[in-house]
Every structure is written in structure tokens, then in C-alpha cells.
């Protein structure tokens, strides 16, 4: 059972997240040759203030 674990910044629409889940499932099914029903996709969303790039947070924490 493949498990695809994706961490991303929050703020995307439910429609975009559903599309990502479908596309990742399609790719895993095609490349790994497993059934769709066995594929799990986890989306983990983080607020921008909890995400750093180059030593700096993506967003300034709100007080």
C-alpha cells in the first residue's frame, strides 16, 4: 500500500487539493502498477509562519 505524504503551506482551495490527490494517485497507479484503492495520499498543511526558507519564515507571525 503506497502512502504519499505531502506537506504544503495552507491556503489552497478544496478543489486544488482534490486535484492534487487525484494526480498523485494517477501517477502512483501508473508508475507502481498498484490499484487505486491501495493508494493513500496525506496532505499536511502548515501555516506560513511555521515554514522557513533560507533561515527566514515565509510569513511574519501574527501577535
C-alpha atoms as a PDB file:
ATOM      1  CA  UNK A   1       0.000   0.000   0.000  1.00  0.00           C
ATOM      2  CA  UNK A   2       1.777   3.179  -1.164  1.00  0.00           C
ATOM      3  CA  UNK A   3       1.447   6.171   1.132  1.00  0.00           C
ATOM      4  CA  UNK A   4       2.179   9.570  -0.396  1.00  0.00           C
ATOM      5  CA  UNK A   5       2.765  12.204   2.290  1.00  0.00           C
ATOM      6  CA  UNK A   6       2.755  15.839   1.129  1.00  0.00           C
ATOM      7  CA  UNK A   7       3.491  18.858   3.308  1.00  0.00           C
ATOM      8  CA  UNK A   8       2.473  22.239   1.938  1.00  0.00           C
ATOM      9  CA  UNK A   9       1.597  25.735   3.026  1.00  0.00           C
ATOM     10  CA  UNK A  10      -2.052  26.199   3.887  1.00  0.00           C
ATOM     11  CA  UNK A  11      -4.416  28.325   1.856  1.00  0.00           C
ATOM     12  CA  UNK A  12      -5.230  26.184  -1.174  1.00  0.00           C
ATOM     13  CA  UNK A  13      -8.829  25.576  -2.141  1.00  0.00           C
ATOM     14  CA  UNK A  14     -10.504  22.219  -1.569  1.00  0.00           C
ATOM     15  CA  UNK A  15     -10.727  21.853  -5.357  1.00  0.00           C
ATOM     16  CA  UNK A  16      -6.956  22.246  -5.812  1.00  0.00           C
ATOM     17  CA  UNK A  17      -6.248  19.775  -3.024  1.00  0.00           C
ATOM     18  CA  UNK A  18      -8.673  17.264  -4.553  1.00  0.00           C
ATOM     19  CA  UNK A  19      -6.950  17.699  -7.934  1.00  0.00           C
ATOM     20  CA  UNK A  20      -3.538  17.114  -6.329  1.00  0.00           C
ATOM     21  CA  UNK A  21      -4.795  13.941  -4.655  1.00  0.00           C
ATOM     22  CA  UNK A  22      -6.181  12.669  -7.971  1.00  0.00           C
ATOM     23  CA  UNK A  23      -2.990  13.446  -9.909  1.00  0.00           C
ATOM     24  CA  UNK A  24      -0.728  11.850  -7.294  1.00  0.00           C
ATOM     25  CA  UNK A  25      -2.963   8.779  -7.235  1.00  0.00           C
ATOM     26  CA  UNK A  26      -2.901   8.568 -11.041  1.00  0.00           C
ATOM     27  CA  UNK A  27       0.906   8.781 -11.080  1.00  0.00           C
ATOM     28  CA  UNK A  28       1.366   6.148  -8.382  1.00  0.00           C
ATOM     29  CA  UNK A  29      -1.074   3.798 -10.107  1.00  0.00           C
ATOM     30  CA  UNK A  30       0.699   4.197 -13.458  1.00  0.00           C
ATOM     31  CA  UNK A  31       4.304   4.066 -12.239  1.00  0.00           C
ATOM     32  CA  UNK A  32       3.985   1.495  -9.457  1.00  0.00           C
ATOM     33  CA  UNK A  33       1.358  -0.699 -11.087  1.00  0.00           C
ATOM     34  CA  UNK A  34      -0.833  -0.856  -7.995  1.00  0.00           C
ATOM     35  CA  UNK A  35      -4.585  -0.489  -7.651  1.00  0.00           C
ATOM     36  CA  UNK A  36      -6.049   2.948  -6.906  1.00  0.00           C
ATOM     37  CA  UNK A  37      -7.796   1.537  -3.874  1.00  0.00           C
ATOM     38  CA  UNK A  38      -4.458   0.699  -2.255  1.00  0.00           C
ATOM     39  CA  UNK A  39      -3.007   4.225  -2.606  1.00  0.00           C
ATOM     40  CA  UNK A  40      -3.178   6.664   0.299  1.00  0.00           C
ATOM     41  CA  UNK A  41      -2.458  10.392  -0.038  1.00  0.00           C
ATOM     42  CA  UNK A  42      -1.942  12.541   3.043  1.00  0.00           C
ATOM     43  CA  UNK A  43      -1.927  16.329   2.809  1.00  0.00           C
ATOM     44  CA  UNK A  44      -0.375  18.114   5.750  1.00  0.00           C
ATOM     45  CA  UNK A  45      -0.922  21.849   5.760  1.00  0.00           C
ATOM     46  CA  UNK A  46       1.225  24.258   7.732  1.00  0.00           C
ATOM     47  CA  UNK A  47       0.631  27.932   8.396  1.00  0.00           C
ATOM     48  CA  UNK A  48       3.178  30.145   6.624  1.00  0.00           C
ATOM     49  CA  UNK A  49       4.681  31.326   9.912  1.00  0.00           C
ATOM     50  CA  UNK A  50       5.687  27.705  10.633  1.00  0.00           C
ATOM     51  CA  UNK A  51       7.560  27.356   7.328  1.00  0.00           C
ATOM     52  CA  UNK A  52      11.081  28.689   6.834  1.00  0.00           C
ATOM     53  CA  UNK A  53      13.135  29.216   3.689  1.00  0.00           C
ATOM     54  CA  UNK A  54      16.756  30.326   3.792  1.00  0.00           C
ATOM     55  CA  UNK A  55      16.615  30.872   7.529  1.00  0.00           C
ATOM     56  CA  UNK A  56      13.575  33.155   7.358  1.00  0.00           C
ATOM     57  CA  UNK A  57       9.891  32.414   7.990  1.00  0.00           C
ATOM     58  CA  UNK A  58       7.619  32.604   4.947  1.00  0.00           C
ATOM     59  CA  UNK A  59       5.306  34.874   6.930  1.00  0.00           C
ATOM     60  CA  UNK A  60       5.675  37.031   9.977  1.00  0.00           C
ATOM     61  CA  UNK A  61       3.815  35.520  12.947  1.00  0.00           C
ATOM     62  CA  UNK A  62       0.725  37.459  13.995  1.00  0.00           C
ATOM     63  CA  UNK A  63       0.738  38.855  17.519  1.00  0.00           C
END
